[in-house]
N, C-alpha and C. Protein backbone atom coordinates (compact mmCIF):
# COMPACT_ATOMS: atom_id res chain seq x y z
N MET A 1 2.64 -12.00 -54.33
CA MET A 1 1.31 -11.63 -55.00
C MET A 1 0.87 -10.01 -54.82
N GLN A 2 1.38 -9.71 -53.69
CA GLN A 2 1.28 -8.06 -53.44
C GLN A 2 1.94 -7.24 -54.49
N ARG A 3 3.15 -7.52 -55.09
CA ARG A 3 3.94 -7.34 -55.92
C ARG A 3 3.27 -7.12 -57.31
N LEU A 4 2.32 -8.17 -57.68
CA LEU A 4 1.76 -8.59 -58.91
C LEU A 4 0.36 -7.83 -58.87
N GLY A 5 -0.05 -7.14 -57.69
CA GLY A 5 -1.33 -6.49 -57.69
C GLY A 5 -2.48 -7.45 -57.63
N ILE A 6 -2.33 -8.91 -57.13
CA ILE A 6 -3.34 -9.90 -56.99
C ILE A 6 -4.23 -9.49 -55.99
N TYR A 7 -3.72 -9.09 -54.68
CA TYR A 7 -4.25 -8.55 -53.59
C TYR A 7 -3.54 -7.51 -52.71
N LYS A 8 -4.22 -6.71 -52.09
CA LYS A 8 -3.58 -6.00 -51.48
C LYS A 8 -3.43 -6.33 -50.06
N LYS A 9 -2.48 -5.53 -49.20
CA LYS A 9 -2.04 -5.80 -48.03
C LYS A 9 -3.47 -5.62 -46.76
N THR A 10 -3.65 -6.28 -46.03
CA THR A 10 -4.92 -5.93 -45.31
C THR A 10 -4.40 -5.27 -44.19
N PRO A 11 -5.02 -4.24 -43.71
CA PRO A 11 -4.85 -3.27 -42.64
C PRO A 11 -4.64 -3.80 -41.37
N SER A 12 -3.75 -3.28 -40.47
CA SER A 12 -3.28 -3.74 -39.18
C SER A 12 -4.44 -3.74 -38.29
N LYS A 13 -4.62 -4.56 -37.36
CA LYS A 13 -5.90 -4.58 -36.56
C LYS A 13 -5.08 -4.00 -35.14
N ARG A 14 -4.08 -3.73 -35.05
CA ARG A 14 -3.62 -3.26 -33.75
C ARG A 14 -4.26 -1.79 -33.31
N LYS A 15 -4.09 -1.69 -32.26
CA LYS A 15 -4.69 -0.44 -31.96
C LYS A 15 -3.75 0.65 -31.53
N GLY A 16 -3.69 1.90 -31.80
CA GLY A 16 -2.87 2.76 -31.35
C GLY A 16 -2.50 2.90 -29.86
N GLN A 17 -1.31 3.27 -29.41
CA GLN A 17 -1.22 3.58 -28.09
C GLN A 17 -1.53 5.05 -27.74
N GLN A 18 -2.28 5.29 -26.68
CA GLN A 18 -2.65 6.65 -26.25
C GLN A 18 -1.70 6.64 -25.12
N PRO A 19 -0.71 8.05 -25.44
CA PRO A 19 -0.14 8.59 -24.45
C PRO A 19 -1.02 8.77 -23.08
N SER A 20 -0.35 8.45 -21.83
CA SER A 20 -0.96 8.51 -20.54
C SER A 20 -0.26 9.85 -20.33
N GLU A 21 -1.15 10.51 -19.62
CA GLU A 21 -0.71 11.85 -18.78
C GLU A 21 0.18 11.62 -17.45
N TRP A 22 1.47 12.16 -17.47
CA TRP A 22 2.10 12.34 -16.49
C TRP A 22 1.75 12.85 -15.34
N ILE A 23 1.70 12.14 -14.09
CA ILE A 23 1.39 12.51 -12.65
C ILE A 23 2.46 13.20 -11.89
N ARG A 24 2.28 14.49 -11.66
CA ARG A 24 3.02 15.33 -11.09
C ARG A 24 3.02 15.16 -9.36
N GLY A 25 3.92 15.00 -8.56
CA GLY A 25 3.49 15.12 -7.19
C GLY A 25 3.53 16.90 -7.03
N ASN A 26 3.10 17.10 -5.81
CA ASN A 26 3.04 18.46 -5.54
C ASN A 26 4.18 18.98 -4.72
N CYS A 27 4.76 18.04 -3.84
CA CYS A 27 6.17 18.38 -3.36
C CYS A 27 7.13 17.03 -3.56
N PRO A 28 8.30 17.38 -3.09
CA PRO A 28 9.26 16.53 -3.58
C PRO A 28 8.88 15.19 -2.78
N GLY A 29 8.83 14.15 -3.34
CA GLY A 29 8.47 12.63 -2.43
C GLY A 29 6.97 12.54 -2.48
N GLY A 30 6.13 13.44 -3.47
CA GLY A 30 4.66 13.43 -3.58
C GLY A 30 4.11 11.87 -3.82
N LYS A 31 4.86 11.76 -4.91
CA LYS A 31 4.36 10.33 -5.44
C LYS A 31 4.74 9.17 -5.11
N VAL A 32 5.61 9.15 -3.79
CA VAL A 32 6.19 8.07 -3.22
C VAL A 32 5.24 7.44 -1.97
N GLN A 33 4.78 6.32 -1.85
CA GLN A 33 4.04 5.98 -0.53
C GLN A 33 4.98 4.82 0.07
N ILE A 34 5.25 4.96 1.39
CA ILE A 34 6.22 4.12 1.95
C ILE A 34 5.27 3.34 3.17
N ASP A 35 5.45 2.14 3.27
CA ASP A 35 4.77 1.64 4.51
C ASP A 35 5.72 1.19 5.75
N VAL A 36 5.34 1.56 6.78
CA VAL A 36 6.54 1.58 7.74
C VAL A 36 5.73 0.62 8.93
N LYS A 37 6.39 -0.51 9.25
CA LYS A 37 5.92 -1.50 9.97
C LYS A 37 6.44 -1.39 11.58
N TYR A 38 7.63 -0.60 11.61
CA TYR A 38 8.11 -0.53 13.07
C TYR A 38 8.54 0.82 13.05
N VAL A 39 8.46 1.76 14.11
CA VAL A 39 9.31 2.67 14.47
C VAL A 39 9.77 2.89 15.76
N PRO A 40 10.85 2.87 16.07
CA PRO A 40 11.63 3.34 17.28
C PRO A 40 10.84 4.28 18.21
N LYS A 41 10.72 4.07 19.31
CA LYS A 41 10.17 4.77 20.16
C LYS A 41 11.44 6.07 20.39
N GLU A 42 12.56 6.23 19.94
CA GLU A 42 13.52 7.37 19.92
C GLU A 42 13.19 8.02 18.85
N CYS A 43 12.58 7.59 17.72
CA CYS A 43 12.14 8.34 16.43
C CYS A 43 10.92 9.23 16.68
N MET A 44 9.99 8.65 17.58
CA MET A 44 8.70 9.22 17.90
C MET A 44 8.77 10.83 18.34
N SER A 45 8.22 11.88 18.07
CA SER A 45 8.44 12.92 18.68
C SER A 45 6.86 13.26 19.21
N PRO A 46 7.06 14.24 20.45
CA PRO A 46 5.48 14.42 20.98
C PRO A 46 5.01 15.33 20.46
N GLU A 47 5.39 16.05 19.32
CA GLU A 47 4.79 17.20 18.62
C GLU A 47 4.36 16.43 17.29
N LEU A 48 3.33 16.65 16.87
CA LEU A 48 2.84 16.12 15.40
C LEU A 48 2.14 17.24 14.59
């Protein structure tokens, strides 16, 4: 029916995707978050 010109194709209702902004870390490993539940006393240093 579209080829015969009886009716035209309806426009798409899908929204276009917006490109998201890339988040960069300030230093190597800046975007990584690690939760540590146990730290051995041998690894703890007196200096912070």
